[in-house]
Protein backbone atom coordinates (compact mmCIF):
# COMPACT_ATOMS: atom_id res chain seq x y z
CA MET A 1 33.02 22.14 12.60
CA LYS A 2 32.86 19.51 15.08
CA THR A 3 29.84 20.16 16.46
CA ASN A 4 28.00 20.79 12.93
CA HIS A 5 29.63 17.08 12.10
CA LEU A 6 27.87 15.60 15.10
CA ILE A 7 24.55 17.00 14.20
CA ALA A 8 25.03 15.82 10.99
CA MET A 9 25.85 12.10 12.54
CA LEU A 10 22.94 11.88 15.04
CA ALA A 11 20.50 12.82 12.31
CA ALA A 12 22.08 10.65 9.70
CA GLU A 13 21.29 7.93 12.35
CA ALA A 14 18.07 8.70 13.74
CA SER A 15 16.91 8.77 9.79
CA ALA A 16 18.44 5.60 9.09
CA THR A 17 17.80 3.12 12.57
CA PRO A 18 14.11 3.19 12.01
CA THR A 19 13.87 2.12 8.66
CA ALA A 20 14.95 -1.53 9.15
CA SER A 21 12.58 -1.88 12.43
CA PRO A 22 9.57 -0.87 11.30
CA LEU A 23 10.01 -3.52 8.59
CA ARG A 24 11.33 -6.29 10.88
CA ARG A 25 8.28 -5.17 13.59
CA CYS A 26 5.90 -5.53 10.51
CA ALA A 27 6.76 -8.97 9.28
CA GLN A 28 6.90 -10.07 12.89
CA ALA A 29 3.48 -8.65 13.70
CA THR A 30 1.75 -9.62 10.42
CA ALA A 31 2.97 -12.94 10.30
CA ALA A 32 1.94 -13.54 14.02
CA GLY A 33 -1.63 -12.08 12.74
CA ILE A 34 -2.04 -14.30 10.64
CA ALA A 35 -1.16 -17.55 11.63
CA LEU A 36 -3.83 -16.74 14.32
CA SER A 37 -6.45 -15.81 11.81
CA LEU A 38 -5.68 -19.10 9.33
CA ALA A 39 -6.25 -21.06 12.42
CA LEU A 40 -9.53 -19.26 13.31
CA VAL A 41 -10.53 -19.29 9.57
CA LEU A 42 -9.59 -23.70 9.74
CA THR A 43 -10.91 -23.95 12.81
CA LEU A 44 -14.22 -22.06 13.15
CA TRP A 45 -15.20 -21.19 9.47
CA GLY A 46 -13.68 -23.91 7.69
CA LEU A 47 -12.08 -24.59 3.95
CA ASN A 48 -14.24 -23.86 1.21
CA PRO A 49 -15.39 -27.28 -0.04
CA GLU A 50 -15.49 -25.89 -4.13
CA LEU A 51 -12.18 -24.12 -3.15
CA ASN A 52 -10.23 -26.42 -6.21
CA THR A 53 -13.21 -25.55 -8.18
CA LEU A 54 -13.29 -21.81 -8.06
CA ALA A 55 -9.52 -21.88 -8.07
CA HIS A 56 -10.10 -22.46 -11.72
CA THR A 57 -11.53 -19.23 -12.30
CA PRO A 58 -10.85 -16.30 -13.59
CA ALA A 59 -13.32 -14.20 -11.10
CA PHE A 60 -11.49 -16.17 -8.06
CA TRP A 61 -7.64 -14.91 -8.97
CA VAL A 62 -9.06 -11.20 -9.57
CA LYS A 63 -10.15 -11.14 -6.62
CA VAL A 64 -7.42 -12.91 -4.77
CA VAL A 65 -4.72 -10.58 -6.62
CA TRP A 66 -6.72 -7.44 -5.80
CA LEU A 67 -6.68 -8.56 -2.16
CA ALA A 68 -3.25 -9.21 -2.21
CA LEU A 69 -2.53 -5.60 -4.01
CA MET A 70 -4.53 -3.91 -1.33
CA CYS A 71 -2.47 -5.81 1.30
CA VAL A 72 0.50 -4.88 -0.80
CA PHE A 73 -0.34 -1.14 -0.73
CA ALA A 74 -1.06 -0.88 2.69
CA ALA A 75 1.97 -2.72 4.33
CA PRO A 76 4.29 0.72 3.04
CA VAL A 77 1.65 2.92 4.58
CA VAL A 78 1.48 1.12 7.88
CA MET A 79 5.82 1.39 8.10
CA HIS A 80 5.76 5.25 6.77
CA LEU A 81 3.20 6.07 9.43
CA ALA A 82 5.20 4.45 11.83
CA ARG A 83 7.98 6.95 12.27
CA PRO A 84 7.57 10.69 12.84
CA GLY A 85 7.00 13.35 10.65
CA VAL A 86 7.21 10.49 7.61
CA ALA A 87 4.25 10.94 4.94
CA ALA A 88 2.08 7.94 4.29
CA GLY A 89 3.60 7.86 0.57
CA LYS A 90 2.39 6.13 -2.74
CA GLY A 91 0.81 3.23 -1.28
CA MET A 92 -2.25 5.71 -0.54
CA TRP A 93 -2.98 6.16 -4.24
CA GLY A 94 -2.46 2.37 -5.11
CA ILE A 95 -4.90 1.60 -2.44
CA VAL A 96 -7.33 4.41 -3.68
CA ALA A 97 -6.35 2.69 -7.63
CA ALA A 98 -7.17 -0.70 -5.84
CA LEU A 99 -10.43 0.76 -4.87
CA ALA A 100 -11.44 2.02 -7.95
CA GLY A 101 -10.51 -0.71 -10.08
CA ILE A 102 -13.17 -3.35 -8.40
CA ALA A 103 -15.51 -0.72 -7.91
CA LEU A 104 -15.36 -0.30 -11.87
CA LEU A 105 -15.15 -4.19 -12.36
CA ALA A 106 -18.71 -4.40 -10.26
CA LEU A 107 -20.03 -1.50 -12.11
CA MET A 108 -19.05 -3.18 -15.69
CA GLN A 109 -20.28 -6.59 -14.36
CA VAL A 110 -24.17 -5.14 -13.35
CA ALA A 111 -24.42 -3.06 -16.00
CA THR A 112 -24.83 -6.27 -18.86
CA VAL A 113 -27.59 -7.81 -16.31
CA ASP A 114 -31.30 -7.02 -15.38
CA ALA A 115 -31.57 -5.07 -11.89
CA ASP A 116 -32.54 -8.28 -10.53
CA THR A 117 -29.51 -10.47 -11.18
CA GLY A 118 -27.75 -7.49 -11.02
CA MET A 119 -29.03 -7.84 -6.89
CA GLN A 120 -28.35 -10.97 -6.78
CA LEU A 121 -24.63 -10.87 -7.46
CA MET A 122 -24.45 -8.31 -5.14
CA LEU A 123 -25.99 -10.08 -2.71
CA GLY A 124 -24.97 -13.62 -3.21
CA ARG A 125 -25.36 -16.32 -0.53
CA SER A 126 -23.59 -15.06 2.29
CA TRP A 127 -23.81 -10.94 2.51
CA GLN A 128 -24.98 -11.41 5.73
CA GLU A 129 -21.63 -12.92 7.23
CA CYS A 130 -19.20 -12.03 5.26
CA SER A 131 -18.02 -8.18 6.67
CA ALA A 132 -18.69 -9.65 10.27
CA SER A 133 -16.27 -12.51 9.40
CA ILE A 134 -13.70 -10.41 7.83
CA ALA A 135 -14.11 -7.79 10.83
CA ALA A 136 -13.50 -11.13 13.29
CA LEU A 137 -10.33 -12.66 11.23
CA SER A 138 -9.10 -8.80 11.68
CA VAL A 139 -8.86 -8.66 15.07
CA PRO A 140 -5.72 -10.58 15.72
CA LEU A 141 -4.25 -9.05 12.70
CA LEU A 142 -5.15 -5.93 13.95
CA ALA A 143 -3.89 -6.59 17.78
CA THR A 144 -0.61 -7.27 16.65
CA LEU A 145 -0.45 -4.43 13.78
CA LEU A 146 -1.00 -1.96 17.06
CA TRP A 147 1.27 -3.50 18.95
CA MET A 148 3.93 -3.19 16.17
CA LEU A 149 3.17 0.72 16.31
CA ARG A 150 3.08 0.95 19.91
CA GLY A 151 6.91 0.11 19.87
CA MET A 152 7.95 2.63 17.04
CA ALA A 153 7.08 6.14 17.03
CA PRO A 154 3.76 7.29 15.02
CA THR A 155 2.98 10.86 15.42
CA ARG A 156 -0.59 10.74 13.76
CA PRO A 157 -1.83 7.87 15.99
CA ALA A 158 -5.32 8.18 14.46
CA PHE A 159 -4.17 7.87 10.43
CA ALA A 160 -1.49 5.19 11.75
CA GLY A 161 -4.08 3.57 13.71
CA ALA A 162 -6.39 3.33 10.60
CA SER A 163 -3.67 2.09 8.35
CA ALA A 164 -3.11 -0.67 10.34
CA GLY A 165 -6.68 -1.35 10.55
CA LEU A 166 -7.10 -1.33 7.03
CA MET A 167 -4.26 -3.63 6.16
CA ALA A 168 -5.88 -6.22 9.03
CA GLY A 169 -8.38 -6.28 7.33
CA ALA A 170 -7.23 -6.69 3.76
CA MET A 171 -5.20 -9.37 5.17
CA ALA A 172 -8.19 -11.12 6.65
CA SER A 173 -10.04 -10.76 3.39
CA LEU A 174 -7.60 -12.76 1.88
CA VAL A 175 -7.65 -15.41 4.43
CA TYR A 176 -11.96 -15.50 4.54
CA SER A 177 -11.30 -16.35 0.97
CA LEU A 178 -10.11 -19.89 1.76
CA HIS A 179 -13.59 -20.04 3.02
CA CYS A 180 -16.19 -17.28 1.01
CA THR A 181 -17.59 -18.92 -2.23
CA GLU A 182 -18.44 -15.80 -3.89
CA THR A 183 -16.83 -14.26 -6.38
CA ALA A 184 -18.98 -11.97 -8.19
CA TYR A 185 -17.09 -8.51 -8.39
CA ALA A 186 -20.14 -6.72 -7.18
CA PHE A 187 -20.38 -8.86 -4.10
CA VAL A 188 -16.25 -8.22 -3.12
CA ALA A 189 -16.89 -4.43 -3.91
CA VAL A 190 -19.51 -4.08 -1.31
CA TRP A 191 -19.22 -6.24 1.37
CA TYR A 192 -15.38 -7.50 1.02
CA VAL A 193 -14.68 -3.68 1.04
CA ALA A 194 -17.51 -2.63 3.73
CA GLY A 195 -15.65 -5.36 5.99
CA ILE A 196 -12.45 -3.45 5.33
CA ALA A 197 -13.65 -0.41 6.02
CA VAL A 198 -15.01 -1.52 9.09
CA MET A 199 -11.75 -2.60 10.27
CA THR A 200 -10.02 0.54 8.97
CA GLY A 201 -12.51 2.69 11.51
CA VAL A 202 -11.88 0.34 14.42
CA GLY A 203 -8.35 0.87 14.06
CA ALA A 204 -8.52 4.59 13.72
CA LEU A 205 -10.32 5.04 16.84
CA LEU A 206 -7.79 2.52 18.73
CA GLY A 207 -5.15 4.30 17.30
CA SER A 208 -6.40 7.65 18.70
CA ARG A 209 -6.41 5.80 22.08
CA LEU A 210 -3.74 3.71 22.24
CA LEU A 211 -0.97 5.30 20.11
CA ARG A 212 -0.43 8.60 21.29
CA TRP A 213 2.35 9.59 23.37
């Protein structure tokens, strides 16, 4: 009985101890990464001079809320995958739903205009720099999240790295929206998602190498 009690106690401690630790480490990593990304966007990109005007449009807030939801859904996935034997959780379904939602909005928007206007909405004025800018601003965020994961015990390094890349891309996109002048759903669904997808792939590649035990 004593042995069984000891095993049960150790199992309870093993399951309880990491719960707060990923949350604390993720908060630290996120705060540091966002601070660095904000410093970069303010220094190298600059705030959008039309930001106050855009803030009065529904499309701007749809973009901001969508990006915030991507961050909210990605965070628990990263924290779950930081622990051994823990599934990614329901956050994955939230990410899928958010991506489907912005894709649906984009399709609805393009369906109401002619082909030339639809292409113009998708390309906007900054398609050439959007995805690359998001990727660049994601670098400090991905670095701090990988640092967090290296201090934990992920058993699926590529998957954990991909989740960190997705979260970094979503947060960097939110930071980049302070500079970006685009609010068309078609633009966001293509170029913002492309930037996030690139960082998801980069995170998977780096995670497979840096997060192995």
